Protein backbone atom coordinates (compact mmCIF):
# COMPACT_ATOMS: atom_id res chain seq x y z
CA UNK A 1 0.21 -0.23 -0.09
CA UNK A 2 3.04 2.11 0.82
CA UNK A 3 4.62 1.41 -3.05
CA UNK A 4 1.00 2.61 -4.45
CA UNK A 5 0.70 5.76 -2.68
CA UNK A 6 4.51 6.95 -2.98
CA UNK A 7 4.25 5.53 -7.25
CA UNK A 8 0.30 7.13 -7.14
CA UNK A 9 2.07 10.93 -6.01
CA UNK A 10 4.86 10.95 -7.26
CA UNK A 11 3.28 9.72 -11.12
CA UNK A 12 1.65 12.46 -10.19
CA UNK A 13 3.29 15.52 -9.48
CA UNK A 14 5.33 14.57 -12.97
CA UNK A 15 2.79 14.82 -14.94
CA UNK A 16 1.29 17.67 -14.15
CA UNK A 17 4.81 19.35 -13.88
CA UNK A 18 5.53 17.59 -17.59
CA UNK A 19 2.34 19.34 -18.90
CA UNK A 20 2.95 22.49 -17.93
CA UNK A 21 6.60 21.80 -20.04
CA UNK A 22 5.23 20.77 -22.60
CA UNK A 23 3.13 24.56 -22.14
CA UNK A 24 5.83 26.32 -22.63
CA UNK A 25 6.58 26.72 -18.86
CA UNK A 26 10.57 26.95 -18.34
CA UNK A 27 11.57 22.77 -16.51
CA UNK A 28 12.32 24.32 -13.05
CA UNK A 29 8.90 26.07 -13.38
CA UNK A 30 7.03 23.04 -13.97
CA UNK A 31 8.43 21.54 -11.70
CA UNK A 32 7.79 23.49 -10.12
CA UNK A 33 3.93 23.89 -10.59
CA UNK A 34 3.94 20.18 -10.31
CA UNK A 35 5.13 19.87 -6.82
CA UNK A 36 3.04 22.66 -5.75
CA UNK A 37 -0.61 21.71 -7.23
CA UNK A 38 0.35 18.70 -6.07
CA UNK A 39 1.14 19.78 -2.46
CA UNK A 40 -2.17 19.44 -0.83
CA UNK A 41 -3.49 15.69 -2.26
CA UNK A 42 -0.45 14.36 -1.26
CA UNK A 43 -0.43 15.80 2.35
CA UNK A 44 -3.85 15.09 3.02
CA UNK A 45 -3.66 11.37 1.46
CA UNK A 46 -0.28 11.46 4.25
CA UNK A 47 -1.87 13.17 7.29
CA UNK A 48 -5.56 10.49 6.53
CA UNK A 49 -3.04 8.01 6.08
CA UNK A 50 -0.88 7.80 9.12
CA UNK A 51 -3.76 8.64 11.44
CA UNK A 52 -5.43 6.52 11.11
CA UNK A 53 -2.35 4.20 11.40
CA UNK A 54 -1.90 5.59 15.56
CA UNK A 55 -4.16 3.13 16.72
CA UNK A 56 -2.10 0.56 15.70
CA UNK A 57 0.99 2.65 17.54
CA UNK A 58 -0.33 2.93 20.71
CA UNK A 59 -1.31 -0.64 21.29
CA UNK A 60 -1.70 -1.76 24.23
CA UNK A 61 -2.86 -5.88 25.45
CA UNK A 62 -2.13 -8.10 23.76
CA UNK A 63 -0.55 -8.68 20.43
CA UNK A 64 1.18 -5.41 21.48
CA UNK A 65 3.96 -5.16 20.15
CA UNK A 66 3.01 -7.19 16.77
CA UNK A 67 1.13 -4.10 16.49
CA UNK A 68 3.45 -1.10 17.86
CA UNK A 69 6.13 -2.79 15.31
CA UNK A 70 3.73 -2.94 12.22
CA UNK A 71 2.93 1.09 13.45
CA UNK A 72 5.58 2.25 13.54
CA UNK A 73 6.86 0.53 10.21
CA UNK A 74 3.82 2.13 7.95
CA UNK A 75 3.85 5.19 9.28
CA UNK A 76 7.33 5.27 9.13
CA UNK A 77 7.66 4.77 5.49
CA UNK A 78 4.62 7.35 4.82
CA UNK A 79 6.61 9.63 5.99
CA UNK A 80 9.92 8.78 4.32
CA UNK A 81 7.16 8.49 1.21
CA UNK A 82 5.84 12.28 2.40
CA UNK A 83 8.96 14.46 1.77
CA UNK A 84 10.83 12.60 -1.14
CA UNK A 85 7.44 13.07 -3.09
CA UNK A 86 7.54 17.06 -2.08
CA UNK A 87 11.88 17.55 -2.37
CA UNK A 88 12.83 14.91 -4.44
CA UNK A 89 10.71 13.87 -6.84
CA UNK A 90 10.64 17.44 -8.56
CA UNK A 91 14.09 17.80 -8.16
CA UNK A 92 14.46 14.05 -10.56
CA UNK A 93 11.67 14.93 -13.15
CA UNK A 94 14.19 18.74 -13.78
CA UNK A 95 17.80 15.91 -14.09
CA UNK A 96 16.03 13.32 -15.91
CA UNK A 97 13.64 15.69 -18.57
CA UNK A 98 16.93 18.12 -18.61
CA UNK A 99 20.11 15.11 -19.47
CA UNK A 100 16.29 13.83 -22.01
CA UNK A 101 16.08 16.84 -23.78
CA UNK A 102 20.05 17.52 -24.30
CA UNK A 103 20.22 14.72 -25.71
CA UNK A 104 17.16 15.06 -28.09
CA UNK A 105 18.85 17.48 -29.59
CA UNK A 106 22.39 16.55 -29.56
CA UNK A 107 20.28 13.49 -31.90
CA UNK A 108 18.65 15.69 -33.48
CA UNK A 109 22.15 17.72 -34.63
CA UNK A 110 23.70 14.48 -35.79
CA UNK A 111 25.46 13.85 -33.21
CA UNK A 112 26.75 10.78 -31.45
CA UNK A 113 25.78 10.53 -28.14
CA UNK A 114 28.61 10.83 -26.09
CA UNK A 115 30.46 13.79 -27.86
CA UNK A 116 29.90 17.77 -27.08
CA UNK A 117 29.27 19.76 -31.05
CA UNK A 118 32.16 21.95 -30.70
CA UNK A 119 35.34 18.42 -30.41
CA UNK A 120 35.17 18.27 -33.63
């Protein structure tokens, strides 16, 4: 479930950023806009999931240790996935899109991969 939520968040951030980039915004602005547009839904989903797992974290009685371990793992994983989605995904979108764009432009100009146009 954690992987599914994290993947959904990442896919939607990239989709929104790519739409903005294709509309003509600069790459960095498109990445930031995608993150800004998805921030509230990501935080709302993450906090709802985390608050739903708090009873596991504060469990007592029979089998409480297993529930606490599960609650701690799920809450920690969701916090990590949220931080990655908010901060790392837009940065990776920018880096990969920039690298891919440079590579496509070089191929369109007839420059083999790994060489620059100036060397020659």
